[in-house]
N, C-alpha and C. Protein backbone atom coordinates (compact mmCIF):
# COMPACT_ATOMS: atom_id res chain seq x y z
N UNK A 1 16.50 33.94 24.27
CA UNK A 1 15.90 35.47 25.20
C UNK A 1 16.72 36.65 24.60
N UNK A 2 15.84 37.64 24.08
CA UNK A 2 16.38 38.60 23.38
C UNK A 2 17.27 39.61 24.38
N UNK A 3 18.08 40.32 23.69
CA UNK A 3 19.05 41.46 24.70
C UNK A 3 18.11 42.51 24.80
N UNK A 4 18.74 43.06 25.92
CA UNK A 4 17.95 44.20 26.69
C UNK A 4 17.80 45.61 25.40
N UNK A 5 18.55 45.34 24.44
CA UNK A 5 18.41 46.51 23.35
C UNK A 5 17.55 46.15 22.06
N UNK A 6 16.89 45.01 22.31
CA UNK A 6 16.12 44.54 21.40
C UNK A 6 14.70 45.53 21.05
N UNK A 7 14.33 46.28 22.22
CA UNK A 7 13.09 46.92 21.92
C UNK A 7 13.08 47.98 22.92
N UNK A 8 14.33 48.79 22.87
CA UNK A 8 14.58 49.77 24.14
C UNK A 8 15.64 50.95 23.45
N UNK A 9 14.87 51.88 23.01
CA UNK A 9 15.83 53.04 22.75
C UNK A 9 17.13 53.52 23.48
N UNK A 10 16.97 53.34 24.58
CA UNK A 10 18.14 53.79 25.65
C UNK A 10 19.17 52.68 25.34
N UNK A 11 18.60 51.40 25.60
CA UNK A 11 19.42 50.45 25.62
C UNK A 11 20.40 49.97 24.27
N UNK A 12 19.49 50.78 23.08
CA UNK A 12 20.28 50.53 21.81
C UNK A 12 21.46 51.31 21.74
N UNK A 13 21.06 52.89 22.50
CA UNK A 13 22.05 53.77 22.12
C UNK A 13 23.58 53.50 22.98
N UNK A 14 22.88 52.86 24.26
CA UNK A 14 24.06 52.60 25.14
C UNK A 14 24.83 51.64 24.08
N UNK A 15 24.38 50.60 23.72
CA UNK A 15 25.09 49.18 22.89
C UNK A 15 26.00 49.84 21.94
N UNK A 16 25.31 50.78 21.19
CA UNK A 16 25.98 51.64 20.03
C UNK A 16 27.30 52.31 20.54
N UNK A 17 27.26 52.88 21.55
CA UNK A 17 28.56 53.74 22.09
C UNK A 17 29.36 52.64 22.78
N UNK A 18 28.57 51.67 23.35
CA UNK A 18 29.76 50.57 24.05
C UNK A 18 30.63 49.82 23.03
N UNK A 19 29.90 49.81 21.82
CA UNK A 19 30.79 49.01 20.62
C UNK A 19 31.93 50.23 19.78
N UNK A 20 31.24 51.38 19.84
CA UNK A 20 32.15 52.09 19.49
C UNK A 20 33.40 52.47 20.23
N UNK A 21 33.24 52.52 21.55
CA UNK A 21 33.97 52.95 22.47
C UNK A 21 35.00 51.63 22.21
N UNK A 22 34.57 50.28 22.61
CA UNK A 22 35.45 49.19 22.47
C UNK A 22 36.47 49.20 21.26
N UNK A 23 35.91 49.68 20.00
CA UNK A 23 36.70 49.73 19.25
C UNK A 23 37.97 50.51 18.95
N UNK A 24 37.79 51.41 19.65
CA UNK A 24 39.12 52.34 20.03
C UNK A 24 40.47 51.55 20.21
N UNK A 25 40.16 50.53 21.31
CA UNK A 25 41.32 49.98 21.85
C UNK A 25 41.51 48.49 21.47
N UNK A 26 40.09 47.99 20.99
CA UNK A 26 40.13 46.38 20.66
C UNK A 26 40.20 46.11 19.43
N UNK A 27 41.70 45.84 18.91
CA UNK A 27 41.98 45.58 17.58
C UNK A 27 41.11 44.59 16.92
N UNK A 28 40.30 43.69 17.53
CA UNK A 28 39.68 42.69 17.00
C UNK A 28 37.99 42.89 17.03
N UNK A 29 37.76 44.27 17.43
CA UNK A 29 36.44 44.72 16.95
C UNK A 29 36.23 45.03 15.70
N UNK A 30 35.13 44.50 15.19
CA UNK A 30 34.75 44.87 14.04
C UNK A 30 34.24 46.10 13.51
N UNK A 31 33.74 46.96 14.72
CA UNK A 31 33.65 48.29 14.56
C UNK A 31 35.01 49.35 14.18
N UNK A 32 35.90 48.60 14.68
CA UNK A 32 37.29 49.45 14.44
C UNK A 32 37.62 49.81 13.06
N UNK A 33 36.89 49.13 11.86
CA UNK A 33 37.38 49.78 10.48
C UNK A 33 36.18 49.55 9.96
N UNK A 34 35.40 50.95 10.07
CA UNK A 34 34.17 51.18 9.37
C UNK A 34 34.67 51.24 7.81
N UNK A 35 33.56 51.63 7.04
CA UNK A 35 33.41 52.07 5.76
C UNK A 35 33.38 53.57 5.71
N UNK A 36 33.92 54.51 5.11
CA UNK A 36 33.73 55.86 5.06
C UNK A 36 33.40 56.37 3.68
N UNK A 37 32.18 57.06 3.52
CA UNK A 37 31.78 57.43 2.30
C UNK A 37 31.43 58.75 2.22
N UNK A 38 32.30 59.48 0.94
CA UNK A 38 32.30 60.79 0.99
C UNK A 38 32.22 61.14 -0.51
N UNK A 39 31.99 62.49 -0.83
CA UNK A 39 31.99 62.68 -2.25
C UNK A 39 30.88 63.48 -2.64
N UNK A 40 30.71 63.91 -3.75
CA UNK A 40 29.58 65.01 -4.14
C UNK A 40 28.66 64.26 -5.05
N UNK A 41 27.65 65.00 -5.66
CA UNK A 41 26.78 64.27 -6.60
C UNK A 41 27.01 63.42 -7.71
N UNK A 42 28.48 63.87 -8.01
CA UNK A 42 28.86 63.27 -9.34
C UNK A 42 29.93 62.19 -9.07
N UNK A 43 30.44 62.16 -7.62
CA UNK A 43 31.64 61.28 -7.62
C UNK A 43 31.61 60.85 -6.10
N UNK A 44 30.84 59.91 -5.65
CA UNK A 44 31.07 59.33 -4.67
C UNK A 44 32.00 58.22 -4.27
N UNK A 45 32.46 57.80 -3.12
CA UNK A 45 33.86 57.32 -3.10
C UNK A 45 33.87 56.69 -1.57
N UNK A 46 33.85 55.36 -1.49
CA UNK A 46 34.23 54.67 -0.12
C UNK A 46 35.52 54.38 0.19
N UNK A 47 35.82 54.03 1.46
CA UNK A 47 37.14 53.50 1.82
C UNK A 47 37.03 52.89 3.39
N UNK A 48 37.97 51.88 3.80
CA UNK A 48 38.07 51.64 4.99
C UNK A 48 38.90 52.41 5.76
N UNK A 49 38.66 52.90 6.82
CA UNK A 49 39.26 53.87 8.03
C UNK A 49 39.32 53.31 9.28
N UNK A 50 40.47 53.62 10.08
CA UNK A 50 40.61 53.23 11.49
C UNK A 50 39.86 54.07 12.18
N UNK A 51 39.03 53.61 13.48
CA UNK A 51 38.43 54.61 13.97
C UNK A 51 39.37 54.83 15.23
N UNK A 52 39.91 56.09 15.40
CA UNK A 52 40.70 56.47 16.48
C UNK A 52 39.98 57.06 17.81
N UNK A 53 38.97 57.48 17.73
CA UNK A 53 38.28 58.22 18.93
C UNK A 53 36.57 58.03 18.76
N UNK A 54 36.06 57.85 19.98
CA UNK A 54 34.56 57.98 20.21
C UNK A 54 34.17 58.65 21.23
N UNK A 55 33.47 59.60 21.25
CA UNK A 55 32.81 60.88 21.98
C UNK A 55 31.51 60.82 22.16
N UNK A 56 30.74 60.23 22.87
CA UNK A 56 29.38 60.23 23.09
C UNK A 56 29.01 61.57 23.78
N UNK A 57 29.63 62.31 24.74
CA UNK A 57 29.27 63.53 24.98
C UNK A 57 29.13 64.52 24.20
N UNK A 58 29.90 64.39 23.01
CA UNK A 58 29.91 65.58 21.72
C UNK A 58 29.46 65.02 20.49
N UNK A 59 28.78 63.64 20.79
CA UNK A 59 28.34 62.90 19.29
C UNK A 59 29.55 62.93 18.32
N UNK A 60 30.53 62.54 18.46
CA UNK A 60 31.71 62.64 17.51
C UNK A 60 32.50 61.26 17.47
N UNK A 61 32.92 61.10 16.34
CA UNK A 61 33.99 59.74 16.39
C UNK A 61 35.04 60.59 15.18
N UNK A 62 36.31 59.88 15.46
CA UNK A 62 37.25 60.42 14.35
C UNK A 62 38.16 59.42 13.87
N UNK A 63 39.02 59.68 12.85
CA UNK A 63 40.00 58.95 12.06
C UNK A 63 41.01 59.79 11.49
N UNK A 64 42.18 59.05 11.41
CA UNK A 64 43.14 59.82 10.79
C UNK A 64 43.48 59.74 9.21
N UNK A 65 44.19 60.87 8.64
CA UNK A 65 44.17 60.59 7.36
C UNK A 65 45.62 61.28 6.96
N UNK A 66 45.84 61.23 5.62
CA UNK A 66 47.03 61.98 4.97
C UNK A 66 46.50 63.39 4.32
N UNK A 67 46.75 64.51 4.51
CA UNK A 67 46.34 65.75 3.78
C UNK A 67 46.33 65.57 2.50
N UNK A 68 47.39 64.79 1.89
CA UNK A 68 47.53 64.69 0.47
C UNK A 68 46.14 63.69 -0.23
N UNK A 69 45.55 63.11 0.41
CA UNK A 69 44.54 62.00 0.11
C UNK A 69 43.52 62.68 -0.63
N UNK A 70 42.80 61.95 -1.43
CA UNK A 70 41.77 62.72 -2.33
C UNK A 70 40.62 62.88 -1.59
N UNK A 71 40.30 62.24 -0.67
CA UNK A 71 39.43 62.54 0.30
C UNK A 71 39.18 63.85 0.95
N UNK A 72 40.27 64.45 1.32
CA UNK A 72 40.33 65.55 1.88
C UNK A 72 39.82 66.74 0.97
N UNK A 73 40.11 66.91 -0.52
CA UNK A 73 39.49 67.68 -1.06
C UNK A 73 37.74 67.47 -1.53
N UNK A 74 37.45 66.29 -1.21
CA UNK A 74 36.06 66.35 -1.46
C UNK A 74 35.46 66.68 -0.15
N UNK A 75 36.10 66.36 0.94
CA UNK A 75 35.37 66.99 2.18
C UNK A 75 35.54 68.54 2.15
N UNK A 76 36.62 69.10 1.54
CA UNK A 76 36.61 70.38 1.54
C UNK A 76 35.18 71.15 0.58
N UNK A 77 34.92 70.36 -0.10
CA UNK A 77 33.84 70.82 -1.29
C UNK A 77 32.43 70.31 -0.71
N UNK A 78 32.53 69.10 0.01
CA UNK A 78 31.00 68.81 0.86
C UNK A 78 31.60 68.19 2.05
N UNK A 79 31.58 68.63 3.24
CA UNK A 79 31.74 68.00 4.64
C UNK A 79 30.59 66.89 4.88
N UNK A 80 29.66 66.95 4.44
CA UNK A 80 28.87 65.61 4.70
C UNK A 80 29.03 64.41 4.11
N UNK A 81 29.09 63.42 5.08
CA UNK A 81 29.48 62.01 4.66
C UNK A 81 28.88 60.84 5.33
N UNK A 82 29.19 59.81 5.16
CA UNK A 82 28.66 58.71 5.85
C UNK A 82 29.46 57.61 6.68
N UNK A 83 29.10 56.82 7.52
CA UNK A 83 30.06 55.68 8.00
C UNK A 83 29.06 54.64 8.31
N UNK A 84 29.90 53.50 7.80
CA UNK A 84 28.81 52.08 7.84
C UNK A 84 29.83 51.21 8.57
N UNK A 85 29.22 50.78 9.90
CA UNK A 85 30.05 49.66 10.77
C UNK A 85 28.98 48.49 10.71
N UNK A 86 29.66 47.15 10.45
CA UNK A 86 28.78 46.00 10.77
C UNK A 86 29.47 44.83 11.52
N UNK A 87 28.82 44.46 12.37
CA UNK A 87 29.58 43.21 13.29
C UNK A 87 28.56 42.06 13.05
N UNK A 88 29.38 41.15 12.61
CA UNK A 88 28.87 39.92 11.89
C UNK A 88 28.34 39.11 13.30
N UNK A 89 29.20 39.26 14.45
CA UNK A 89 28.85 38.31 15.33
C UNK A 89 27.48 38.68 16.39
N UNK A 90 27.67 40.09 16.26
CA UNK A 90 26.42 40.71 17.08
C UNK A 90 25.34 41.08 16.30
N UNK A 91 25.62 40.86 14.82
CA UNK A 91 24.40 40.73 14.08
C UNK A 91 23.92 42.31 13.80
N UNK A 92 24.77 43.20 14.40
CA UNK A 92 24.41 44.55 14.26
C UNK A 92 25.12 45.74 13.18
N UNK A 93 24.43 46.15 12.48
CA UNK A 93 24.88 47.36 11.66
C UNK A 93 24.33 48.57 12.12
N UNK A 94 25.35 49.53 12.01
CA UNK A 94 25.40 51.03 12.19
C UNK A 94 25.81 51.75 11.18
N UNK A 95 24.90 52.87 10.77
CA UNK A 95 25.11 53.83 9.94
C UNK A 95 24.95 55.25 10.65
N UNK A 96 26.01 55.82 10.35
CA UNK A 96 26.34 57.51 10.69
C UNK A 96 25.98 58.19 9.50
N UNK A 97 25.20 59.26 9.69
CA UNK A 97 25.45 60.45 8.92
C UNK A 97 26.23 61.41 9.63
N UNK A 98 26.88 62.10 9.02
CA UNK A 98 27.99 62.86 9.62
C UNK A 98 28.24 64.14 8.99
N UNK A 99 29.01 65.29 9.60
CA UNK A 99 29.60 66.39 9.07
C UNK A 99 31.00 66.39 9.60
N UNK A 100 32.09 66.44 8.58
CA UNK A 100 33.35 66.34 8.90
C UNK A 100 34.09 67.58 8.92
N UNK A 101 35.01 67.71 9.88
CA UNK A 101 36.06 68.80 9.97
C UNK A 101 37.49 68.43 9.70
N UNK A 102 37.99 68.73 9.08
CA UNK A 102 39.45 68.59 8.44
C UNK A 102 40.54 69.29 9.28
N UNK A 103 41.09 68.55 10.56
CA UNK A 103 42.22 69.25 11.35
C UNK A 103 43.51 69.00 10.50
N UNK A 104 44.36 69.87 10.52
CA UNK A 104 45.72 69.89 9.89
C UNK A 104 46.61 70.88 10.84
N UNK A 105 47.55 70.43 11.43
CA UNK A 105 48.70 71.29 12.04
C UNK A 105 48.04 72.53 13.01
N UNK A 106 47.13 71.46 14.07
CA UNK A 106 46.57 72.41 15.13
C UNK A 106 46.75 71.41 16.34
N UNK A 107 46.04 72.01 17.42
CA UNK A 107 46.23 71.37 18.87
C UNK A 107 45.61 69.89 18.70
N UNK A 108 44.52 69.60 17.89
CA UNK A 108 44.00 68.14 17.87
C UNK A 108 44.90 67.29 17.31
N UNK A 109 45.41 67.79 16.09
CA UNK A 109 46.39 66.89 15.52
C UNK A 109 47.66 66.58 16.24
N UNK A 110 47.95 67.85 16.72
CA UNK A 110 49.33 67.37 17.95
C UNK A 110 49.21 66.41 18.75
N UNK A 111 47.86 66.35 19.28
CA UNK A 111 47.37 65.85 20.57
C UNK A 111 47.45 64.14 19.72
N UNK A 112 46.66 64.05 18.95
CA UNK A 112 46.76 62.50 18.32
C UNK A 112 48.02 62.12 17.92
N UNK A 113 48.62 62.96 17.15
CA UNK A 113 50.14 62.70 16.62
C UNK A 113 50.93 62.17 17.73
N UNK A 114 50.97 62.74 18.75
CA UNK A 114 51.83 62.31 20.15
C UNK A 114 51.20 61.12 20.47
N UNK A 115 50.14 60.53 20.39
CA UNK A 115 49.52 59.20 20.59
C UNK A 115 49.90 58.10 19.60
N UNK A 116 50.03 58.50 18.42
CA UNK A 116 50.59 57.62 17.38
C UNK A 116 51.91 57.01 17.24
N UNK A 117 51.58 55.72 17.21
CA UNK A 117 52.66 54.74 17.42
C UNK A 117 54.03 54.99 16.19
N UNK A 118 55.19 54.49 16.57
CA UNK A 118 56.01 54.68 15.76
C UNK A 118 55.72 53.87 14.54
N UNK A 119 55.22 52.97 14.55
CA UNK A 119 54.90 51.87 13.31
C UNK A 119 53.70 52.34 12.49
N UNK A 120 52.81 53.27 12.91
CA UNK A 120 51.58 53.79 12.44
C UNK A 120 52.13 55.18 11.72
N UNK A 121 53.14 55.61 12.11
CA UNK A 121 53.66 57.06 11.54
C UNK A 121 54.20 56.75 10.22
N UNK A 122 54.54 55.54 9.91
CA UNK A 122 55.28 55.29 8.28
C UNK A 122 54.29 55.67 7.34
N UNK A 123 53.17 55.52 7.36
CA UNK A 123 52.37 55.94 6.02
C UNK A 123 52.35 57.09 5.77
N UNK A 124 52.71 57.94 6.62
CA UNK A 124 52.67 59.63 6.55
C UNK A 124 54.02 60.06 5.99
N UNK A 125 54.90 59.03 5.72
CA UNK A 125 56.08 59.29 5.19
C UNK A 125 56.58 59.18 3.64
N UNK A 126 55.32 58.65 3.20
CA UNK A 126 55.52 58.58 1.86
C UNK A 126 55.82 60.00 1.10
N UNK A 127 56.55 59.78 -0.22
CA UNK A 127 56.97 61.05 -1.06
C UNK A 127 55.87 62.00 -1.58
N UNK A 128 54.99 60.65 -2.16
CA UNK A 128 53.63 61.58 -2.79
C UNK A 128 52.65 60.97 -2.23
N UNK A 129 51.39 61.68 -2.33
CA UNK A 129 50.27 61.30 -1.62
C UNK A 129 49.64 59.93 -1.96
N UNK A 130 48.84 59.50 -0.92
CA UNK A 130 48.07 58.38 -1.51
C UNK A 130 47.39 58.52 -2.30
N UNK A 131 47.43 57.34 -3.32
CA UNK A 131 46.71 57.40 -4.67
C UNK A 131 47.29 58.12 -5.81
N UNK A 132 48.46 58.36 -5.78
CA UNK A 132 49.59 59.02 -6.82
C UNK A 132 49.69 57.98 -7.81
N UNK A 133 50.03 58.32 -8.75
CA UNK A 133 50.27 56.97 -9.87
C UNK A 133 51.88 56.92 -9.80
N UNK A 134 52.05 55.64 -10.29
CA UNK A 134 53.70 55.25 -9.97
C UNK A 134 54.01 54.26 -11.29
N UNK A 135 55.12 54.26 -11.82
CA UNK A 135 55.39 53.49 -12.98
C UNK A 135 55.63 52.10 -12.40
N UNK A 136 56.04 52.00 -11.05
CA UNK A 136 56.36 50.70 -10.46
C UNK A 136 55.47 50.47 -9.16
N UNK A 137 55.58 48.89 -8.81
CA UNK A 137 54.79 48.72 -7.69
C UNK A 137 55.53 49.46 -6.53
N UNK A 138 55.20 49.91 -5.70
CA UNK A 138 55.70 50.63 -4.44
C UNK A 138 54.61 50.97 -3.52
N UNK A 139 55.43 51.14 -2.29
CA UNK A 139 54.86 51.29 -0.66
C UNK A 139 54.91 52.89 -0.81
N UNK A 140 55.56 53.71 -1.82
CA UNK A 140 55.56 55.43 -1.58
C UNK A 140 56.69 55.46 -0.86
N UNK A 141 57.24 54.44 -0.32
CA UNK A 141 58.58 55.25 0.89
C UNK A 141 59.96 54.90 -0.03
N UNK A 142 61.07 55.76 0.40
CA UNK A 142 62.15 55.69 0.18
C UNK A 142 62.62 54.46 0.73
N UNK A 143 63.57 53.78 0.06
CA UNK A 143 64.22 52.41 0.40
C UNK A 143 64.50 52.25 1.83
N UNK A 144 65.30 53.35 2.29
CA UNK A 144 65.74 53.32 3.72
C UNK A 144 64.68 53.27 4.69
N UNK A 145 63.42 53.86 4.25
CA UNK A 145 62.41 53.94 5.16
C UNK A 145 61.36 52.72 5.07
N UNK A 146 61.70 52.13 4.12
CA UNK A 146 60.73 51.00 3.88
C UNK A 146 61.02 49.56 4.57
N UNK A 147 61.47 50.09 5.94
CA UNK A 147 61.50 48.52 7.00
C UNK A 147 61.00 49.66 8.12
N UNK A 148 61.30 49.10 9.34
CA UNK A 148 61.33 49.65 10.60
C UNK A 148 62.27 49.95 11.44
N UNK A 149 63.17 50.35 10.50
CA UNK A 149 64.80 50.76 10.93
C UNK A 149 64.74 52.49 11.36
N UNK A 150 63.70 53.25 10.76
CA UNK A 150 63.67 54.46 11.11
C UNK A 150 63.43 55.14 12.35
N UNK A 151 63.88 56.08 12.61
CA UNK A 151 64.02 56.41 14.33
C UNK A 151 62.63 57.34 14.55
N UNK A 152 62.54 57.55 15.74
CA UNK A 152 61.36 58.58 15.97
C UNK A 152 61.43 59.74 15.45
N UNK A 153 62.60 60.23 15.61
CA UNK A 153 63.02 61.63 15.03
C UNK A 153 62.64 61.53 13.52
N UNK A 154 62.97 60.44 12.80
CA UNK A 154 62.56 60.55 11.09
C UNK A 154 61.30 60.25 11.22
N UNK A 155 60.61 59.81 12.05
CA UNK A 155 59.00 59.92 11.84
C UNK A 155 58.34 61.05 12.06
N UNK A 156 58.99 61.94 12.42
CA UNK A 156 58.57 63.52 12.79
C UNK A 156 58.14 64.14 11.64
N UNK A 157 58.67 63.54 10.63
CA UNK A 157 58.73 64.50 9.46
C UNK A 157 57.32 64.09 8.85
N UNK A 158 56.59 62.92 9.19
CA UNK A 158 55.30 62.73 8.50
C UNK A 158 54.53 63.77 9.23
N UNK A 159 54.22 64.40 10.23
CA UNK A 159 53.28 65.08 11.07
C UNK A 159 52.83 66.08 10.16
N UNK A 160 53.68 66.91 9.03
CA UNK A 160 53.07 67.69 8.00
C UNK A 160 52.08 67.11 7.16
N UNK A 161 51.95 65.85 7.01
CA UNK A 161 50.75 65.14 6.02
C UNK A 161 49.89 64.53 6.74
N UNK A 162 49.76 64.75 8.36
CA UNK A 162 48.89 64.06 9.18
C UNK A 162 47.61 64.89 9.31
N UNK A 163 46.60 64.12 9.22
CA UNK A 163 45.32 65.21 9.60
C UNK A 163 44.37 64.22 10.56
N UNK A 164 43.43 64.83 11.01
CA UNK A 164 42.45 64.20 12.11
C UNK A 164 41.19 64.60 11.55
N UNK A 165 40.45 63.59 11.02
CA UNK A 165 38.98 64.03 10.64
C UNK A 165 38.01 63.78 11.58
N UNK A 166 37.48 65.00 12.25
CA UNK A 166 36.58 64.65 13.31
C UNK A 166 35.09 64.86 12.68
N UNK A 167 34.25 64.04 12.97
CA UNK A 167 33.05 63.57 12.63
C UNK A 167 31.94 63.73 13.36
N UNK A 168 31.28 64.72 13.34
CA UNK A 168 29.95 65.11 14.07
C UNK A 168 28.72 64.24 13.43
N UNK A 169 28.10 63.56 14.63
CA UNK A 169 27.00 62.64 14.04
C UNK A 169 25.83 63.27 14.01
N UNK A 170 25.19 63.33 12.88
CA UNK A 170 24.00 63.77 12.86
C UNK A 170 22.54 63.00 13.04
N UNK A 171 22.79 61.72 12.49
CA UNK A 171 21.95 60.69 12.56
C UNK A 171 22.59 59.44 12.71
N UNK A 172 21.85 58.41 13.71
CA UNK A 172 22.29 57.21 13.55
C UNK A 172 21.33 56.35 13.25
N UNK A 173 21.59 55.43 12.29
CA UNK A 173 20.82 54.20 12.11
C UNK A 173 21.14 52.80 12.61
N UNK A 174 20.28 52.21 13.29
CA UNK A 174 20.63 50.94 13.85
C UNK A 174 19.84 49.75 13.36
N UNK A 175 20.55 48.78 12.85
CA UNK A 175 19.59 47.70 12.55
C UNK A 175 20.49 46.29 13.13
N UNK A 176 19.37 45.75 13.73
CA UNK A 176 19.58 44.21 14.41
C UNK A 176 18.85 43.01 13.72
N UNK A 177 19.65 42.27 13.51
CA UNK A 177 19.31 41.18 12.73
C UNK A 177 19.07 39.79 13.76
N UNK A 178 17.52 39.59 14.11
CA UNK A 178 17.25 38.41 15.01
C UNK A 178 16.57 37.42 14.33
N UNK A 179 16.65 36.33 14.56
CA UNK A 179 15.96 35.35 14.34
C UNK A 179 14.14 35.39 14.59
N UNK A 180 14.06 36.03 15.64
CA UNK A 180 12.65 36.33 16.26
C UNK A 180 11.83 37.70 15.41
N UNK A 181 12.68 38.33 14.76
CA UNK A 181 12.50 39.45 13.89
C UNK A 181 13.43 40.30 14.18
N UNK A 182 13.64 40.73 12.98
CA UNK A 182 14.73 42.18 12.94
C UNK A 182 14.02 43.45 13.68
N UNK A 183 15.13 44.03 14.06
CA UNK A 183 14.72 45.56 14.46
C UNK A 183 15.59 46.48 13.91
N UNK A 184 14.81 47.87 13.74
CA UNK A 184 15.62 48.92 13.16
C UNK A 184 15.21 50.14 13.88
N UNK A 185 16.18 51.28 13.98
CA UNK A 185 15.45 52.55 14.67
C UNK A 185 16.65 53.51 14.02
N UNK A 186 16.06 54.63 13.99
CA UNK A 186 16.86 55.86 13.72
C UNK A 186 16.87 56.82 14.72
N UNK A 187 18.05 57.41 14.99
CA UNK A 187 18.11 58.68 15.87
C UNK A 187 18.67 59.55 15.53
N UNK A 188 17.76 60.82 15.67
CA UNK A 188 18.16 62.06 14.90
C UNK A 188 18.80 62.73 16.29
N UNK A 189 20.28 63.13 16.47
CA UNK A 189 20.70 63.46 17.45
C UNK A 189 20.58 65.22 17.25
N UNK A 190 20.29 65.64 16.32
CA UNK A 190 20.17 67.23 16.53
C UNK A 190 18.82 67.60 16.91
N UNK A 191 17.70 66.88 16.79
CA UNK A 191 16.58 66.84 17.37
C UNK A 191 15.94 66.05 18.12
N UNK A 192 16.94 65.39 18.85
CA UNK A 192 16.66 64.27 19.97
C UNK A 192 15.47 63.58 19.70
N UNK A 193 15.22 62.96 18.73
CA UNK A 193 14.00 62.26 18.04
C UNK A 193 14.49 60.72 17.93
N UNK A 194 14.00 59.88 18.46
CA UNK A 194 14.05 58.51 18.06
C UNK A 194 12.90 57.68 17.50
N UNK A 195 13.13 56.95 16.27
CA UNK A 195 12.23 56.39 15.52
C UNK A 195 12.52 55.22 15.18
N UNK A 196 11.23 54.21 15.41
CA UNK A 196 11.25 52.93 14.86
C UNK A 196 11.19 52.71 13.51
N UNK A 197 11.69 51.81 12.82
CA UNK A 197 11.87 51.90 11.40
C UNK A 197 11.63 50.21 10.89
N UNK A 198 10.87 50.34 9.63
CA UNK A 198 10.76 48.65 9.22
C UNK A 198 11.75 48.21 8.84
N UNK A 199 12.48 46.94 9.37
CA UNK A 199 13.93 46.64 8.98
C UNK A 199 13.97 46.37 7.56
């Protein structure tokens, strides 16, 4: 028996947002760690990010980053990017075409930072930005911070490097792999247009 979303646009959209919403709190969700792709015509780059917020009402998703990361400069030059999600069990792939806003030291970052766990703040305490060259293998942290003995107060130092990347979704492409026959659809959120595609 085929699922309700097999050939129904509304059910497909419902399923996509259920999976995105679930990924925020469910660490086992395969949608929790999508591939984020950004760059310009000469230098595209992809990396895994952790989905931190999903907002169907505003058609946005968001994740956290370090202001010193090289993707920040790429996004400042070209805010258009893409995200790729795949759930092997569900046999569902979702591709998002997005426009990104880099938030740094504002109300959005303050709210997200207040919800960021002590253990997760560690990566914002590195002396040099992610991707910096090093002469030795390193975590980038001072020895006294390279464990979990630092205090909540010490972790506050990382806030200056913390950013929230808000991604406004322009298009969603959905692919469902089914033995009976694959199904694929595109949703143009700006023009409110739903289209079937050949898988």
